[in-house]
């Protein structure tokens, strides 16, 4: 992933991404690579969606983390690899439905 990684890092630097965002996006890309052990630029939309489903249903990651993964993949495929949004479609990010500090058994009003 080294040449692709350098391209991703360059695009993020040019856009002024925060250091924590860069770190989070690189981690998300590494997780995708580790899942398939194939070049990310060769993955299909369906494969990326399959991994995202794994992250949501099996790994049960927090929505904040899932949103970072969604954003990282959207950035990679649309901004770095220049795939058209209609060619590489990632479903809209979901919301947990609860606010911070609320119990999971009920939704906060407001």
PDB file of N, CA and C in Angstrom:
ATOM      1  N   UNK A   1       0.831  -1.200   0.000  1.00  0.00           N
ATOM      2  CA  UNK A   1       0.000   0.000   0.000  1.00  0.00           C
ATOM      3  C   UNK A   1       0.867   1.252   0.000  1.00  0.00           C
ATOM      4  N   UNK A   2       2.173   1.154  -0.132  1.00  0.00           N
ATOM      5  CA  UNK A   2       3.057   2.304   0.048  1.00  0.00           C
ATOM      6  C   UNK A   2       2.845   3.434  -0.970  1.00  0.00           C
ATOM      7  N   UNK A   3       2.745   3.127  -2.270  1.00  0.00           N
ATOM      8  CA  UNK A   3       2.528   4.194  -3.254  1.00  0.00           C
ATOM      9  C   UNK A   3       1.150   4.821  -3.069  1.00  0.00           C
ATOM     10  N   UNK A   4       0.154   3.989  -2.839  1.00  0.00           N
ATOM     11  CA  UNK A   4      -1.195   4.498  -2.594  1.00  0.00           C
ATOM     12  C   UNK A   4      -1.224   5.306  -1.306  1.00  0.00           C
ATOM     13  N   UNK A   5      -0.557   4.801  -0.284  1.00  0.00           N
ATOM     14  CA  UNK A   5      -0.483   5.507   1.007  1.00  0.00           C
ATOM     15  C   UNK A   5       0.101   6.900   0.817  1.00  0.00           C
ATOM     16  N   UNK A   6       1.165   7.007   0.029  1.00  0.00           N
ATOM     17  CA  UNK A   6       1.785   8.309  -0.219  1.00  0.00           C
ATOM     18  C   UNK A   6       0.825   9.235  -0.959  1.00  0.00           C
ATOM     19  N   UNK A   7       0.059   8.703  -1.890  1.00  0.00           N
ATOM     20  CA  UNK A   7      -0.930   9.516  -2.604  1.00  0.00           C
ATOM     21  C   UNK A   7      -2.016  10.016  -1.661  1.00  0.00           C
ATOM     22  N   UNK A   8      -2.471   9.134  -0.777  1.00  0.00           N
ATOM     23  CA  UNK A   8      -3.492   9.506   0.211  1.00  0.00           C
ATOM     24  C   UNK A   8      -2.941  10.582   1.136  1.00  0.00           C
ATOM     25  N   UNK A   9      -1.717  10.380   1.630  1.00  0.00           N
ATOM     26  CA  UNK A   9      -1.118  11.365   2.537  1.00  0.00           C
ATOM     27  C   UNK A   9      -0.939  12.715   1.857  1.00  0.00           C
ATOM     28  N   UNK A  10      -0.521  12.710   0.601  1.00  0.00           N
ATOM     29  CA  UNK A  10      -0.361  13.954  -0.143  1.00  0.00           C
ATOM     30  C   UNK A  10      -1.691  14.691  -0.264  1.00  0.00           C
ATOM     31  N   UNK A  11      -2.741  13.971  -0.673  1.00  0.00           N
ATOM     32  CA  UNK A  11      -4.060  14.601  -0.817  1.00  0.00           C
ATOM     33  C   UNK A  11      -4.550  15.173   0.517  1.00  0.00           C
ATOM     34  N   UNK A  12      -4.310  14.466   1.600  1.00  0.00           N
ATOM     35  CA  UNK A  12      -4.751  14.960   2.910  1.00  0.00           C
ATOM     36  C   UNK A  12      -3.955  16.192   3.328  1.00  0.00           C
ATOM     37  N   UNK A  13      -2.641  16.200   3.050  1.00  0.00           N
ATOM     38  CA  UNK A  13      -1.826  17.379   3.375  1.00  0.00           C
ATOM     39  C   UNK A  13      -2.301  18.583   2.570  1.00  0.00           C
ATOM     40  N   UNK A  14      -2.556  18.375   1.287  1.00  0.00           N
ATOM     41  CA  UNK A  14      -2.996  19.480   0.429  1.00  0.00           C
ATOM     42  C   UNK A  14      -4.331  20.061   0.888  1.00  0.00           C
ATOM     43  N   UNK A  15      -5.161  19.232   1.496  1.00  0.00           N
ATOM     44  CA  UNK A  15      -6.475  19.677   1.970  1.00  0.00           C
ATOM     45  C   UNK A  15      -6.435  20.152   3.425  1.00  0.00           C
ATOM     46  N   UNK A  16      -5.269  20.061   4.054  1.00  0.00           N
ATOM     47  CA  UNK A  16      -5.115  20.563   5.415  1.00  0.00           C
ATOM     48  C   UNK A  16      -5.810  19.724   6.477  1.00  0.00           C
ATOM     49  N   UNK A  17      -5.870  18.402   6.263  1.00  0.00           N
ATOM     50  CA  UNK A  17      -6.501  17.522   7.251  1.00  0.00           C
ATOM     51  C   UNK A  17      -5.742  17.580   8.576  1.00  0.00           C
ATOM     52  N   UNK A  18      -6.470  17.497   9.668  1.00  0.00           N
ATOM     53  CA  UNK A  18      -5.871  17.465  11.001  1.00  0.00           C
ATOM     54  C   UNK A  18      -5.096  16.158  11.179  1.00  0.00           C
ATOM     55  N   UNK A  19      -4.073  16.194  12.020  1.00  0.00           N
ATOM     56  CA  UNK A  19      -3.223  15.021  12.252  1.00  0.00           C
ATOM     57  C   UNK A  19      -4.037  13.817  12.723  1.00  0.00           C
ATOM     58  N   UNK A  20      -5.015  14.037  13.583  1.00  0.00           N
ATOM     59  CA  UNK A  20      -5.844  12.930  14.085  1.00  0.00           C
ATOM     60  C   UNK A  20      -6.691  12.331  12.964  1.00  0.00           C
ATOM     61  N   UNK A  21      -7.160  13.158  12.047  1.00  0.00           N
ATOM     62  CA  UNK A  21      -7.942  12.667  10.910  1.00  0.00           C
ATOM     63  C   UNK A  21      -7.060  11.825  10.004  1.00  0.00           C
ATOM     64  N   UNK A  22      -5.856  12.293   9.744  1.00  0.00           N
ATOM     65  CA  UNK A  22      -4.906  11.540   8.918  1.00  0.00           C
ATOM     66  C   UNK A  22      -4.655  10.176   9.552  1.00  0.00           C
ATOM     67  N   UNK A  23      -4.388  10.169  10.829  1.00  0.00           N
ATOM     68  CA  UNK A  23      -4.130   8.920  11.553  1.00  0.00           C
ATOM     69  C   UNK A  23      -5.340   7.975  11.468  1.00  0.00           C
ATOM     70  N   UNK A  24      -6.525   8.510  11.672  1.00  0.00           N
ATOM     71  CA  UNK A  24      -7.746   7.690  11.647  1.00  0.00           C
ATOM     72  C   UNK A  24      -8.010   7.129  10.249  1.00  0.00           C
ATOM     73  N   UNK A  25      -7.833   7.941   9.217  1.00  0.00           N
ATOM     74  CA  UNK A  25      -8.068   7.475   7.847  1.00  0.00           C
ATOM     75  C   UNK A  25      -7.064   6.391   7.464  1.00  0.00           C
ATOM     76  N   UNK A  26      -5.798   6.586   7.799  1.00  0.00           N
ATOM     77  CA  UNK A  26      -4.773   5.582   7.484  1.00  0.00           C
ATOM     78  C   UNK A  26      -5.096   4.274   8.204  1.00  0.00           C
ATOM     79  N   UNK A  27      -5.532   4.360   9.444  1.00  0.00           N
ATOM     80  CA  UNK A  27      -5.916   3.155  10.190  1.00  0.00           C
ATOM     81  C   UNK A  27      -7.079   2.446   9.487  1.00  0.00           C
ATOM     82  N   UNK A  28      -8.073   3.191   9.056  1.00  0.00           N
ATOM     83  CA  UNK A  28      -9.231   2.609   8.364  1.00  0.00           C
ATOM     84  C   UNK A  28      -8.786   1.912   7.075  1.00  0.00           C
ATOM     85  N   UNK A  29      -7.877   2.526   6.334  1.00  0.00           N
ATOM     86  CA  UNK A  29      -7.386   1.928   5.096  1.00  0.00           C
ATOM     87  C   UNK A  29      -6.573   0.667   5.383  1.00  0.00           C
ATOM     88  N   UNK A  30      -5.790   0.696   6.445  1.00  0.00           N
ATOM     89  CA  UNK A  30      -5.024  -0.490   6.831  1.00  0.00           C
ATOM     90  C   UNK A  30      -5.945  -1.636   7.235  1.00  0.00           C
ATOM     91  N   UNK A  31      -7.044  -1.323   7.901  1.00  0.00           N
ATOM     92  CA  UNK A  31      -8.005  -2.352   8.294  1.00  0.00           C
ATOM     93  C   UNK A  31      -8.645  -2.998   7.069  1.00  0.00           C
ATOM     94  N   UNK A  32      -8.979  -2.186   6.075  1.00  0.00           N
ATOM     95  CA  UNK A  32      -9.560  -2.713   4.841  1.00  0.00           C
ATOM     96  C   UNK A  32      -8.551  -3.611   4.130  1.00  0.00           C
ATOM     97  N   UNK A  33      -7.301  -3.162   4.053  1.00  0.00           N
ATOM     98  CA  UNK A  33      -6.265  -3.972   3.413  1.00  0.00           C
ATOM     99  C   UNK A  33      -6.074  -5.290   4.164  1.00  0.00           C
ATOM    100  N   UNK A  34      -6.037  -5.238   5.492  1.00  0.00           N
ATOM    101  CA  UNK A  34      -5.833  -6.445   6.298  1.00  0.00           C
ATOM    102  C   UNK A  34      -6.966  -7.456   6.100  1.00  0.00           C
ATOM    103  N   UNK A  35      -8.169  -6.966   5.858  1.00  0.00           N
ATOM    104  CA  UNK A  35      -9.320  -7.841   5.673  1.00  0.00           C
ATOM    105  C   UNK A  35      -9.212  -8.631   4.368  1.00  0.00           C
ATOM    106  N   UNK A  36      -8.775  -7.961   3.288  1.00  0.00           N
ATOM    107  CA  UNK A  36      -8.711  -8.604   1.971  1.00  0.00           C
ATOM    108  C   UNK A  36      -7.306  -9.011   1.545  1.00  0.00           C
ATOM    109  N   UNK A  37      -6.278  -8.347   2.073  1.00  0.00           N
ATOM    110  CA  UNK A  37      -4.888  -8.595   1.684  1.00  0.00           C
ATOM    111  C   UNK A  37      -4.692  -8.435   0.172  1.00  0.00           C
ATOM    112  N   UNK A  38      -5.360  -7.400  -0.362  1.00  0.00           N
ATOM    113  CA  UNK A  38      -5.246  -7.072  -1.783  1.00  0.00           C
ATOM    114  C   UNK A  38      -5.117  -5.564  -1.925  1.00  0.00           C
ATOM    115  N   UNK A  39      -4.595  -5.142  -3.050  1.00  0.00           N
ATOM    116  CA  UNK A  39      -4.469  -3.713  -3.320  1.00  0.00           C
ATOM    117  C   UNK A  39      -5.838  -3.049  -3.240  1.00  0.00           C
ATOM    118  N   UNK A  40      -5.927  -1.968  -2.495  1.00  0.00           N
ATOM    119  CA  UNK A  40      -7.212  -1.293  -2.296  1.00  0.00           C
ATOM    120  C   UNK A  40      -7.789  -0.757  -3.593  1.00  0.00           C
ATOM    121  N   UNK A  41      -6.938  -0.335  -4.504  1.00  0.00           N
ATOM    122  CA  UNK A  41      -7.438   0.203  -5.761  1.00  0.00           C
ATOM    123  C   UNK A  41      -8.085  -0.873  -6.631  1.00  0.00           C
ATOM    124  N   UNK A  42      -7.878  -2.142  -6.290  1.00  0.00           N
ATOM    125  CA  UNK A  42      -8.468  -3.242  -7.061  1.00  0.00           C
ATOM    126  C   UNK A  42      -9.756  -3.775  -6.437  1.00  0.00           C
ATOM    127  N   UNK A  43     -10.137  -3.264  -5.273  1.00  0.00           N
ATOM    128  CA  UNK A  43     -11.360  -3.732  -4.627  1.00  0.00           C
ATOM    129  C   UNK A  43     -12.586  -3.143  -5.302  1.00  0.00           C
ATOM    130  N   UNK A  44     -13.634  -3.935  -5.352  1.00  0.00           N
ATOM    131  CA  UNK A  44     -14.899  -3.456  -5.914  1.00  0.00           C
ATOM    132  C   UNK A  44     -15.705  -2.750  -4.819  1.00  0.00           C
ATOM    133  N   UNK A  45     -16.703  -2.031  -5.265  1.00  0.00           N
ATOM    134  CA  UNK A  45     -17.625  -1.372  -4.339  1.00  0.00           C
ATOM    135  C   UNK A  45     -18.273  -2.410  -3.422  1.00  0.00           C
ATOM    136  N   UNK A  46     -18.676  -3.536  -3.986  1.00  0.00           N
ATOM    137  CA  UNK A  46     -19.330  -4.586  -3.191  1.00  0.00           C
ATOM    138  C   UNK A  46     -18.394  -5.125  -2.110  1.00  0.00           C
ATOM    139  N   UNK A  47     -17.112  -5.228  -2.418  1.00  0.00           N
ATOM    140  CA  UNK A  47     -16.159  -5.718  -1.417  1.00  0.00           C
ATOM    141  C   UNK A  47     -16.001  -4.725  -0.270  1.00  0.00           C
ATOM    142  N   UNK A  48     -15.937  -3.458  -0.591  1.00  0.00           N
ATOM    143  CA  UNK A  48     -15.830  -2.444   0.466  1.00  0.00           C
ATOM    144  C   UNK A  48     -17.099  -2.458   1.319  1.00  0.00           C
ATOM    145  N   UNK A  49     -18.249  -2.579   0.675  1.00  0.00           N
ATOM    146  CA  UNK A  49     -19.502  -2.640   1.427  1.00  0.00           C
ATOM    147  C   UNK A  49     -19.550  -3.880   2.320  1.00  0.00           C
ATOM    148  N   UNK A  50     -19.029  -4.993   1.832  1.00  0.00           N
ATOM    149  CA  UNK A  50     -18.985  -6.225   2.623  1.00  0.00           C
ATOM    150  C   UNK A  50     -18.130  -6.015   3.877  1.00  0.00           C
ATOM    151  N   UNK A  51     -16.987  -5.332   3.726  1.00  0.00           N
ATOM    152  CA  UNK A  51     -16.147  -5.052   4.887  1.00  0.00           C
ATOM    153  C   UNK A  51     -16.859  -4.126   5.866  1.00  0.00           C
ATOM    154  N   UNK A  52     -17.526  -3.106   5.352  1.00  0.00           N
ATOM    155  CA  UNK A  52     -18.257  -2.199   6.235  1.00  0.00           C
ATOM    156  C   UNK A  52     -19.349  -2.942   6.999  1.00  0.00           C
ATOM    157  N   UNK A  53     -20.003  -3.888   6.345  1.00  0.00           N
ATOM    158  CA  UNK A  53     -20.996  -4.702   7.026  1.00  0.00           C
ATOM    159  C   UNK A  53     -20.343  -5.516   8.147  1.00  0.00           C
ATOM    160  N   UNK A  54     -19.176  -6.057   7.899  1.00  0.00           N
ATOM    161  CA  UNK A  54     -18.404  -6.784   8.919  1.00  0.00           C
ATOM    162  C   UNK A  54     -18.105  -5.888  10.117  1.00  0.00           C
ATOM    163  N   UNK A  55     -17.679  -4.671   9.840  1.00  0.00           N
ATOM    164  CA  UNK A  55     -17.337  -3.712  10.891  1.00  0.00           C
ATOM    165  C   UNK A  55     -18.558  -3.390  11.754  1.00  0.00           C
ATOM    166  N   UNK A  56     -19.715  -3.276  11.107  1.00  0.00           N
ATOM    167  CA  UNK A  56     -20.943  -2.917  11.814  1.00  0.00           C
ATOM    168  C   UNK A  56     -21.530  -4.110  12.560  1.00  0.00           C
ATOM    169  N   UNK A  57     -21.647  -5.249  11.887  1.00  0.00           N
ATOM    170  CA  UNK A  57     -22.392  -6.374  12.469  1.00  0.00           C
ATOM    171  C   UNK A  57     -21.554  -7.335  13.295  1.00  0.00           C
ATOM    172  N   UNK A  58     -20.326  -7.591  12.888  1.00  0.00           N
ATOM    173  CA  UNK A  58     -19.491  -8.563  13.595  1.00  0.00           C
ATOM    174  C   UNK A  58     -18.602  -7.883  14.629  1.00  0.00           C
ATOM    175  N   UNK A  59     -17.880  -6.872  14.203  1.00  0.00           N
ATOM    176  CA  UNK A  59     -16.963  -6.179  15.125  1.00  0.00           C
ATOM    177  C   UNK A  59     -17.710  -5.225  16.054  1.00  0.00           C
ATOM    178  N   UNK A  60     -18.915  -4.831  15.642  1.00  0.00           N
ATOM    179  CA  UNK A  60     -19.781  -3.958  16.429  1.00  0.00           C
ATOM    180  C   UNK A  60     -19.055  -2.693  16.907  1.00  0.00           C
ATOM    181  N   UNK A  61     -18.386  -2.051  15.967  1.00  0.00           N
ATOM    182  CA  UNK A  61     -17.682  -0.821  16.300  1.00  0.00           C
ATOM    183  C   UNK A  61     -18.677   0.311  16.526  1.00  0.00           C
ATOM    184  N   UNK A  62     -18.267   1.279  17.295  1.00  0.00           N
ATOM    185  CA  UNK A  62     -19.103   2.449  17.575  1.00  0.00           C
ATOM    186  C   UNK A  62     -19.385   3.197  16.276  1.00  0.00           C
ATOM    187  N   UNK A  63     -20.567   3.849  16.211  1.00  0.00           N
ATOM    188  CA  UNK A  63     -20.929   4.582  15.000  1.00  0.00           C
ATOM    189  C   UNK A  63     -19.905   5.647  14.656  1.00  0.00           C
ATOM    190  N   UNK A  64     -19.294   6.252  15.646  1.00  0.00           N
ATOM    191  CA  UNK A  64     -18.276   7.267  15.359  1.00  0.00           C
ATOM    192  C   UNK A  64     -17.125   6.653  14.570  1.00  0.00           C
ATOM    193  N   UNK A  65     -16.733   5.446  14.929  1.00  0.00           N
ATOM    194  CA  UNK A  65     -15.658   4.753  14.224  1.00  0.00           C
ATOM    195  C   UNK A  65     -16.109   4.336  12.832  1.00  0.00           C
ATOM    196  N   UNK A  66     -17.317   3.825  12.736  1.00  0.00           N
ATOM    197  CA  UNK A  66     -17.861   3.429  11.431  1.00  0.00           C
ATOM    198  C   UNK A  66     -17.909   4.643  10.503  1.00  0.00           C
ATOM    199  N   UNK A  67     -18.300   5.777  11.020  1.00  0.00           N
ATOM    200  CA  UNK A  67     -18.353   6.995  10.209  1.00  0.00           C
ATOM    201  C   UNK A  67     -16.972   7.393   9.697  1.00  0.00           C
ATOM    202  N   UNK A  68     -15.943   7.196  10.523  1.00  0.00           N
ATOM    203  CA  UNK A  68     -14.572   7.475  10.083  1.00  0.00           C
ATOM    204  C   UNK A  68     -14.211   6.542   8.930  1.00  0.00           C
ATOM    205  N   UNK A  69     -14.560   5.261   9.061  1.00  0.00           N
ATOM    206  CA  UNK A  69     -14.278   4.297   8.000  1.00  0.00           C
ATOM    207  C   UNK A  69     -14.993   4.705   6.713  1.00  0.00           C
ATOM    208  N   UNK A  70     -16.295   5.023   6.804  1.00  0.00           N
ATOM    209  CA  UNK A  70     -17.050   5.472   5.631  1.00  0.00           C
ATOM    210  C   UNK A  70     -16.343   6.659   4.966  1.00  0.00           C
ATOM    211  N   UNK A  71     -15.994   7.632   5.763  1.00  0.00           N
ATOM    212  CA  UNK A  71     -15.375   8.848   5.232  1.00  0.00           C
ATOM    213  C   UNK A  71     -14.022   8.553   4.598  1.00  0.00           C
ATOM    214  N   UNK A  72     -13.234   7.705   5.227  1.00  0.00           N
ATOM    215  CA  UNK A  72     -11.913   7.358   4.690  1.00  0.00           C
ATOM    216  C   UNK A  72     -12.038   6.676   3.338  1.00  0.00           C
ATOM    217  N   UNK A  73     -12.999   5.754   3.216  1.00  0.00           N
ATOM    218  CA  UNK A  73     -13.165   5.028   1.960  1.00  0.00           C
ATOM    219  C   UNK A  73     -13.728   5.931   0.873  1.00  0.00           C
ATOM    220  N   UNK A  74     -14.649   6.771   1.245  1.00  0.00           N
ATOM    221  CA  UNK A  74     -15.195   7.726   0.278  1.00  0.00           C
ATOM    222  C   UNK A  74     -14.068   8.641  -0.225  1.00  0.00           C
ATOM    223  N   UNK A  75     -13.227   9.116   0.689  1.00  0.00           N
ATOM    224  CA  UNK A  75     -12.097   9.975   0.324  1.00  0.00           C
ATOM    225  C   UNK A  75     -11.149   9.232  -0.617  1.00  0.00           C
ATOM    226  N   UNK A  76     -10.796   7.999  -0.266  1.00  0.00           N
ATOM    227  CA  UNK A  76      -9.874   7.228  -1.087  1.00  0.00           C
ATOM    228  C   UNK A  76     -10.412   7.041  -2.496  1.00  0.00           C
ATOM    229  N   UNK A  77     -11.618   6.532  -2.597  1.00  0.00           N
ATOM    230  CA  UNK A  77     -12.124   6.155  -3.918  1.00  0.00           C
ATOM    231  C   UNK A  77     -12.578   7.346  -4.759  1.00  0.00           C
ATOM    232  N   UNK A  78     -13.068   8.400  -4.137  1.00  0.00           N
ATOM    233  CA  UNK A  78     -13.520   9.547  -4.919  1.00  0.00           C
ATOM    234  C   UNK A  78     -12.427  10.589  -5.132  1.00  0.00           C
ATOM    235  N   UNK A  79     -11.685  10.930  -4.081  1.00  0.00           N
ATOM    236  CA  UNK A  79     -10.714  12.017  -4.176  1.00  0.00           C
ATOM    237  C   UNK A  79      -9.335  11.567  -4.646  1.00  0.00           C
ATOM    238  N   UNK A  80      -8.891  10.395  -4.205  1.00  0.00           N
ATOM    239  CA  UNK A  80      -7.547   9.941  -4.550  1.00  0.00           C
ATOM    240  C   UNK A  80      -7.558   9.103  -5.831  1.00  0.00           C
ATOM    241  N   UNK A  81      -8.462   8.140  -5.909  1.00  0.00           N
ATOM    242  CA  UNK A  81      -8.513   7.254  -7.080  1.00  0.00           C
ATOM    243  C   UNK A  81      -9.439   7.774  -8.182  1.00  0.00           C
ATOM    244  N   UNK A  82     -10.122   8.864  -7.904  1.00  0.00           N
ATOM    245  CA  UNK A  82     -10.971   9.566  -8.881  1.00  0.00           C
ATOM    246  C   UNK A  82     -12.053   8.691  -9.502  1.00  0.00           C
ATOM    247  N   UNK A  83     -12.653   7.847  -8.696  1.00  0.00           N
ATOM    248  CA  UNK A  83     -13.813   7.087  -9.170  1.00  0.00           C
ATOM    249  C   UNK A  83     -15.041   7.970  -9.004  1.00  0.00           C
ATOM    250  N   UNK A  84     -15.894   7.938  -9.981  1.00  0.00           N
ATOM    251  CA  UNK A  84     -17.110   8.753  -9.930  1.00  0.00           C
ATOM    252  C   UNK A  84     -18.005   8.263  -8.796  1.00  0.00           C
ATOM    253  N   UNK A  85     -18.693   9.185  -8.122  1.00  0.00           N
ATOM    254  CA  UNK A  85     -19.578   8.774  -7.017  1.00  0.00           C
ATOM    255  C   UNK A  85     -20.599   7.724  -7.432  1.00  0.00           C
ATOM    256  N   UNK A  86     -21.126   7.811  -8.660  1.00  0.00           N
ATOM    257  CA  UNK A  86     -22.103   6.817  -9.100  1.00  0.00           C
ATOM    258  C   UNK A  86     -21.438   5.469  -9.412  1.00  0.00           C
ATOM    259  N   UNK A  87     -20.135   5.489  -9.703  1.00  0.00           N
ATOM    260  CA  UNK A  87     -19.404   4.260  -9.996  1.00  0.00           C
ATOM    261  C   UNK A  87     -19.031   3.517  -8.706  1.00  0.00           C
ATOM    262  N   UNK A  88     -18.760   4.290  -7.661  1.00  0.00           N
ATOM    263  CA  UNK A  88     -18.347   3.689  -6.403  1.00  0.00           C
ATOM    264  C   UNK A  88     -19.223   4.252  -5.297  1.00  0.00           C
ATOM    265  N   UNK A  89     -20.322   3.607  -5.074  1.00  0.00           N
ATOM    266  CA  UNK A  89     -21.323   4.115  -4.151  1.00  0.00           C
ATOM    267  C   UNK A  89     -21.201   3.468  -2.774  1.00  0.00           C
ATOM    268  N   UNK A  90     -21.010   4.295  -1.770  1.00  0.00           N
ATOM    269  CA  UNK A  90     -21.034   3.818  -0.390  1.00  0.00           C
ATOM    270  C   UNK A  90     -22.307   4.372   0.222  1.00  0.00           C
ATOM    271  N   UNK A  91     -23.127   3.521   0.854  1.00  0.00           N
ATOM    272  CA  UNK A  91     -24.397   3.995   1.411  1.00  0.00           C
ATOM    273  C   UNK A  91     -24.192   5.133   2.408  1.00  0.00           C
ATOM    274  N   UNK A  92     -25.212   5.965   2.585  1.00  0.00           N
ATOM    275  CA  UNK A  92     -25.106   7.064   3.543  1.00  0.00           C
ATOM    276  C   UNK A  92     -24.825   6.535   4.943  1.00  0.00           C
ATOM    277  N   UNK A  93     -24.088   7.324   5.683  1.00  0.00           N
ATOM    278  CA  UNK A  93     -23.756   6.953   7.057  1.00  0.00           C
ATOM    279  C   UNK A  93     -25.003   7.003   7.926  1.00  0.00           C
ATOM    280  N   UNK A  94     -25.100   6.073   8.845  1.00  0.00           N
ATOM    281  CA  UNK A  94     -26.227   6.023   9.758  1.00  0.00           C
ATOM    282  C   UNK A  94     -25.972   6.839  11.009  1.00  0.00           C
ATOM    283  N   UNK A  95     -26.943   6.913  11.825  1.00  0.00           N
ATOM    284  CA  UNK A  95     -26.841   7.598  13.118  1.00  0.00           C
ATOM    285  C   UNK A  95     -27.289   6.621  14.190  1.00  0.00           C
ATOM    286  N   UNK A  96     -26.737   6.761  15.367  1.00  0.00           N
ATOM    287  CA  UNK A  96     -27.057   5.806  16.427  1.00  0.00           C
ATOM    288  C   UNK A  96     -28.452   6.023  16.996  1.00  0.00           C
ATOM    289  N   UNK A  97     -28.983   7.223  16.878  1.00  0.00           N
ATOM    290  CA  UNK A  97     -30.317   7.496  17.387  1.00  0.00           C
ATOM    291  C   UNK A  97     -30.325   7.932  18.841  1.00  0.00           C
ATOM    292  N   UNK A  98     -29.170   7.911  19.485  1.00  0.00           N
ATOM    293  CA  UNK A  98     -29.105   8.364  20.869  1.00  0.00           C
ATOM    294  C   UNK A  98     -28.106   9.507  20.971  1.00  0.00           C
ATOM    295  N   UNK A  99     -28.280  10.293  21.981  1.00  0.00           N
ATOM    296  CA  UNK A  99     -27.359  11.387  22.231  1.00  0.00           C
ATOM    297  C   UNK A  99     -26.375  10.961  23.310  1.00  0.00           C
ATOM    298  N   UNK A 100     -25.192  11.569  23.346  1.00  0.00           N
ATOM    299  CA  UNK A 100     -24.234  11.224  24.399  1.00  0.00           C
ATOM    300  C   UNK A 100     -24.865  11.409  25.778  1.00  0.00           C
ATOM    301  N   UNK A 101     -24.592  10.465  26.648  1.00  0.00           N
ATOM    302  CA  UNK A 101     -25.113  10.555  28.013  1.00  0.00           C
ATOM    303  C   UNK A 101     -26.476   9.917  28.182  1.00  0.00           C
ATOM    304  N   UNK A 102     -27.128   9.491  27.122  1.00  0.00           N
ATOM    305  CA  UNK A 102     -28.439   8.863  27.217  1.00  0.00           C
ATOM    306  C   UNK A 102     -28.264   7.369  27.377  1.00  0.00           C
ATOM    307  N   UNK A 103     -29.187   6.743  28.076  1.00  0.00           N
ATOM    308  CA  UNK A 103     -29.106   5.290  28.188  1.00  0.00           C
ATOM    309  C   UNK A 103     -29.513   4.692  26.861  1.00  0.00           C
ATOM    310  N   UNK A 104     -29.021   3.490  26.586  1.00  0.00           N
ATOM    311  CA  UNK A 104     -29.340   2.847  25.312  1.00  0.00           C
ATOM    312  C   UNK A 104     -30.777   2.319  25.300  1.00  0.00           C
ATOM    313  N   UNK A 105     -31.399   2.223  26.461  1.00  0.00           N
ATOM    314  CA  UNK A 105     -32.763   1.683  26.538  1.00  0.00           C
ATOM    315  C   UNK A 105     -33.809   2.718  26.130  1.00  0.00           C
ATOM    316  N   UNK A 106     -33.435   4.000  26.151  1.00  0.00           N
ATOM    317  CA  UNK A 106     -34.412   5.021  25.779  1.00  0.00           C
ATOM    318  C   UNK A 106     -33.732   6.104  24.957  1.00  0.00           C
ATOM    319  N   UNK A 107     -34.509   6.812  24.200  1.00  0.00           N
ATOM    320  CA  UNK A 107     -33.980   7.941  23.431  1.00  0.00           C
ATOM    321  C   UNK A 107     -34.207   9.217  24.245  1.00  0.00           C
ATOM    322  N   UNK A 108     -33.292  10.149  24.104  1.00  0.00           N
ATOM    323  CA  UNK A 108     -33.458  11.419  24.791  1.00  0.00           C
ATOM    324  C   UNK A 108     -34.441  12.285  24.018  1.00  0.00           C
ATOM    325  N   UNK A 109     -35.187  13.054  24.686  1.00  0.00           N
ATOM    326  CA  UNK A 109     -36.093  13.961  24.007  1.00  0.00           C
ATOM    327  C   UNK A 109     -35.396  15.283  23.817  1.00  0.00           C
ATOM    328  N   UNK A 110     -35.912  16.053  22.893  1.00  0.00           N
ATOM    329  CA  UNK A 110     -35.326  17.348  22.824  1.00  0.00           C
ATOM    330  C   UNK A 110     -35.304  17.973  21.560  1.00  0.00           C
TER     331      UNK A 110
END
